[in-house]
Amino acid sequence: MSSSVLKLIIGIAHAQELIPCPDGSQADSTIGCTTIPANILNPSADILKLILKTADGLLMILTGIAVIFLMYSAIRYAMAAGNDDQINKAKRAMFWSVFGLAISSISIFVVQFIMDITK
């Protein structure tokens, strides 16, 4: 991306008050701020934080899905009514649900640990 296009995008972001001016002043609606923050021109510092927050959110969703599958397999086990084939399928589903729940929970702690280290 060329420097002029990047400056235009940053100026628009300042004018729309999406990002603050570095000197604390009010942005001009046509040109934005007169200075460009250094961390915006070098966004690689924030990419790791973005990746970690995205991973954290996805892992929370996966943990919820694992809990839902665990409840589904428990209901399936209760509804098996002595049918050995259905009981075995429900037990297998419970095992993999608990396994998925454990993996996603451990992953959440790892991501949180990395996020705390990189602060």
C-alpha atoms as a PDB file:
ATOM      1  CA  MET A   1       0.000   0.000   0.000  1.00  0.00           C
ATOM      2  CA  SER A   2       1.464   3.355  -0.932  1.00  0.00           C
ATOM      3  CA  SER A   3       2.270   5.899   1.732  1.00  0.00           C
ATOM      4  CA  SER A   4      -0.221   8.464   0.429  1.00  0.00           C
ATOM      5  CA  VAL A   5      -3.093   5.977   0.526  1.00  0.00           C
ATOM      6  CA  LEU A   6      -2.129   4.969   4.055  1.00  0.00           C
ATOM      7  CA  LYS A   7      -2.008   8.614   5.135  1.00  0.00           C
ATOM      8  CA  LEU A   8      -5.451   9.172   3.588  1.00  0.00           C
ATOM      9  CA  ILE A   9      -6.916   6.177   5.446  1.00  0.00           C
ATOM     10  CA  ILE A  10      -5.356   7.328   8.725  1.00  0.00           C
ATOM     11  CA  GLY A  11      -6.631  10.872   8.164  1.00  0.00           C
ATOM     12  CA  ILE A  12     -10.157   9.561   7.591  1.00  0.00           C
ATOM     13  CA  ALA A  13      -9.901   7.441  10.731  1.00  0.00           C
ATOM     14  CA  HIS A  14      -8.833  10.495  12.729  1.00  0.00           C
ATOM     15  CA  ALA A  15     -11.598  12.629  11.240  1.00  0.00           C
ATOM     16  CA  GLN A  16     -14.210   9.995  12.105  1.00  0.00           C
ATOM     17  CA  GLU A  17     -12.703   9.800  15.615  1.00  0.00           C
ATOM     18  CA  LEU A  18     -11.973   6.089  15.192  1.00  0.00           C
ATOM     19  CA  ILE A  19      -8.449   6.683  16.444  1.00  0.00           C
ATOM     20  CA  PRO A  20      -7.369   9.675  18.538  1.00  0.00           C
ATOM     21  CA  CYS A  21      -4.915  12.329  17.415  1.00  0.00           C
ATOM     22  CA  PRO A  22      -1.547  11.734  19.084  1.00  0.00           C
ATOM     23  CA  ASP A  23      -1.382  15.280  20.455  1.00  0.00           C
ATOM     24  CA  GLY A  24      -4.908  15.103  21.893  1.00  0.00           C
ATOM     25  CA  SER A  25      -6.308  17.785  19.591  1.00  0.00           C
ATOM     26  CA  GLN A  26      -9.561  17.617  17.641  1.00  0.00           C
ATOM     27  CA  ALA A  27      -9.075  16.245  14.121  1.00  0.00           C
ATOM     28  CA  ASP A  28      -9.882  18.398  11.110  1.00  0.00           C
ATOM     29  CA  SER A  29     -12.745  16.823   9.160  1.00  0.00           C
ATOM     30  CA  THR A  30     -10.891  17.187   5.848  1.00  0.00           C
ATOM     31  CA  ILE A  31      -7.276  16.319   6.639  1.00  0.00           C
ATOM     32  CA  GLY A  32      -7.477  14.634  10.030  1.00  0.00           C
ATOM     33  CA  CYS A  33      -4.526  15.154  12.377  1.00  0.00           C
ATOM     34  CA  THR A  34      -1.380  16.964  11.388  1.00  0.00           C
ATOM     35  CA  THR A  35       0.829  14.152  12.729  1.00  0.00           C
ATOM     36  CA  ILE A  36       0.553  10.409  12.218  1.00  0.00           C
ATOM     37  CA  PRO A  37       1.024   8.100  15.220  1.00  0.00           C
ATOM     38  CA  ALA A  38       4.061   5.856  14.819  1.00  0.00           C
ATOM     39  CA  ASN A  39       2.270   2.690  15.944  1.00  0.00           C
ATOM     40  CA  ILE A  40      -0.270   2.996  13.114  1.00  0.00           C
ATOM     41  CA  LEU A  41       2.418   3.096  10.451  1.00  0.00           C
ATOM     42  CA  ASN A  42       3.957  -0.010  12.042  1.00  0.00           C
ATOM     43  CA  PRO A  43       0.945  -2.232  12.753  1.00  0.00           C
ATOM     44  CA  SER A  44       2.989  -5.423  13.165  1.00  0.00           C
ATOM     45  CA  ALA A  45       3.207  -4.728  16.909  1.00  0.00           C
ATOM     46  CA  ASP A  46      -0.557  -5.089  17.260  1.00  0.00           C
ATOM     47  CA  ILE A  47      -0.968  -8.084  14.949  1.00  0.00           C
ATOM     48  CA  LEU A  48      -0.032 -10.564  17.691  1.00  0.00           C
ATOM     49  CA  LYS A  49      -2.612  -9.026  20.027  1.00  0.00           C
ATOM     50  CA  LEU A  50      -5.254  -9.234  17.299  1.00  0.00           C
ATOM     51  CA  ILE A  51      -4.422 -12.873  16.609  1.00  0.00           C
ATOM     52  CA  LEU A  52      -4.495 -13.733  20.310  1.00  0.00           C
ATOM     53  CA  LYS A  53      -7.829 -11.984  20.908  1.00  0.00           C
ATOM     54  CA  THR A  54      -9.325 -13.727  17.880  1.00  0.00           C
ATOM     55  CA  ALA A  55      -8.009 -17.089  19.070  1.00  0.00           C
ATOM     56  CA  ASP A  56      -9.371 -16.414  22.555  1.00  0.00           C
ATOM     57  CA  GLY A  57     -12.835 -15.663  21.178  1.00  0.00           C
ATOM     58  CA  LEU A  58     -12.841 -18.723  18.936  1.00  0.00           C
ATOM     59  CA  LEU A  59     -11.736 -20.948  21.797  1.00  0.00           C
ATOM     60  CA  MET A  60     -14.550 -19.623  23.968  1.00  0.00           C
ATOM     61  CA  ILE A  61     -17.007 -20.548  21.198  1.00  0.00           C
ATOM     62  CA  LEU A  62     -15.447 -24.008  20.830  1.00  0.00           C
ATOM     63  CA  THR A  63     -15.697 -24.562  24.582  1.00  0.00           C
ATOM     64  CA  GLY A  64     -19.399 -23.709  24.439  1.00  0.00           C
ATOM     65  CA  ILE A  65     -19.895 -26.118  21.542  1.00  0.00           C
ATOM     66  CA  ALA A  66     -18.111 -28.871  23.486  1.00  0.00           C
ATOM     67  CA  VAL A  67     -20.419 -28.300  26.469  1.00  0.00           C
ATOM     68  CA  ILE A  68     -23.472 -28.472  24.197  1.00  0.00           C
ATOM     69  CA  PHE A  69     -22.247 -31.759  22.701  1.00  0.00           C
ATOM     70  CA  LEU A  70     -21.606 -33.110  26.186  1.00  0.00           C
ATOM     71  CA  MET A  71     -25.178 -32.329  27.201  1.00  0.00           C
ATOM     72  CA  TYR A  72     -26.468 -33.835  23.950  1.00  0.00           C
ATOM     73  CA  SER A  73     -24.527 -37.048  24.520  1.00  0.00           C
ATOM     74  CA  ALA A  74     -25.777 -37.241  28.131  1.00  0.00           C
ATOM     75  CA  ILE A  75     -29.368 -36.924  26.919  1.00  0.00           C
ATOM     76  CA  ARG A  76     -28.632 -39.530  24.267  1.00  0.00           C
ATOM     77  CA  TYR A  77     -27.249 -41.839  26.970  1.00  0.00           C
ATOM     78  CA  ALA A  78     -30.344 -41.361  29.122  1.00  0.00           C
ATOM     79  CA  MET A  79     -32.637 -42.035  26.152  1.00  0.00           C
ATOM     80  CA  ALA A  80     -30.788 -45.236  25.132  1.00  0.00           C
ATOM     81  CA  ALA A  81     -33.209 -47.333  27.206  1.00  0.00           C
ATOM     82  CA  GLY A  82     -30.857 -50.280  27.561  1.00  0.00           C
ATOM     83  CA  ASN A  83     -29.876 -50.478  23.881  1.00  0.00           C
ATOM     84  CA  ASP A  84     -26.172 -51.394  24.045  1.00  0.00           C
ATOM     85  CA  ASP A  85     -25.395 -49.912  20.634  1.00  0.00           C
ATOM     86  CA  GLN A  86     -26.951 -46.545  21.564  1.00  0.00           C
ATOM     87  CA  ILE A  87     -25.243 -46.579  24.966  1.00  0.00           C
ATOM     88  CA  ASN A  88     -21.844 -47.171  23.357  1.00  0.00           C
ATOM     89  CA  LYS A  89     -22.435 -44.374  20.835  1.00  0.00           C
ATOM     90  CA  ALA A  90     -23.426 -42.015  23.651  1.00  0.00           C
ATOM     91  CA  LYS A  91     -20.374 -42.983  25.730  1.00  0.00           C
ATOM     92  CA  ARG A  92     -18.092 -42.418  22.759  1.00  0.00           C
ATOM     93  CA  ALA A  93     -19.705 -39.026  22.119  1.00  0.00           C
ATOM     94  CA  MET A  94     -19.279 -38.124  25.813  1.00  0.00           C
ATOM     95  CA  PHE A  95     -15.626 -39.109  25.710  1.00  0.00           C
ATOM     96  CA  TRP A  96     -14.892 -36.939  22.672  1.00  0.00           C
ATOM     97  CA  SER A  97     -16.940 -34.072  24.103  1.00  0.00           C
ATOM     98  CA  VAL A  98     -14.942 -34.136  27.340  1.00  0.00           C
ATOM     99  CA  PHE A  99     -11.724 -34.468  25.333  1.00  0.00           C
ATOM    100  CA  GLY A 100     -12.658 -31.421  23.219  1.00  0.00           C
ATOM    101  CA  LEU A 101     -13.654 -29.498  26.336  1.00  0.00           C
ATOM    102  CA  ALA A 102     -10.307 -30.283  27.985  1.00  0.00           C
ATOM    103  CA  ILE A 103      -8.294 -29.295  24.895  1.00  0.00           C
ATOM    104  CA  SER A 104     -10.200 -26.039  24.403  1.00  0.00           C
ATOM    105  CA  SER A 105      -9.944 -25.169  28.111  1.00  0.00           C
ATOM    106  CA  ILE A 106      -6.197 -25.771  28.139  1.00  0.00           C
ATOM    107  CA  SER A 107      -5.865 -23.737  24.949  1.00  0.00           C
ATOM    108  CA  ILE A 108      -7.739 -20.822  26.534  1.00  0.00           C
ATOM    109  CA  PHE A 109      -5.302 -20.806  29.445  1.00  0.00           C
ATOM    110  CA  VAL A 110      -2.331 -20.915  27.048  1.00  0.00           C
ATOM    111  CA  VAL A 111      -3.693 -18.000  25.005  1.00  0.00           C
ATOM    112  CA  GLN A 112      -4.429 -15.999  28.167  1.00  0.00           C
ATOM    113  CA  PHE A 113      -0.903 -16.710  29.425  1.00  0.00           C
ATOM    114  CA  ILE A 114       0.620 -15.494  26.148  1.00  0.00           C
ATOM    115  CA  MET A 115      -1.599 -12.406  26.225  1.00  0.00           C
ATOM    116  CA  ASP A 116      -0.404 -11.629  29.777  1.00  0.00           C
ATOM    117  CA  ILE A 117       3.243 -12.076  28.773  1.00  0.00           C
ATOM    118  CA  THR A 118       2.976  -9.790  25.751  1.00  0.00           C
ATOM    119  CA  LYS A 119       1.333  -6.886  27.619  1.00  0.00           C
END
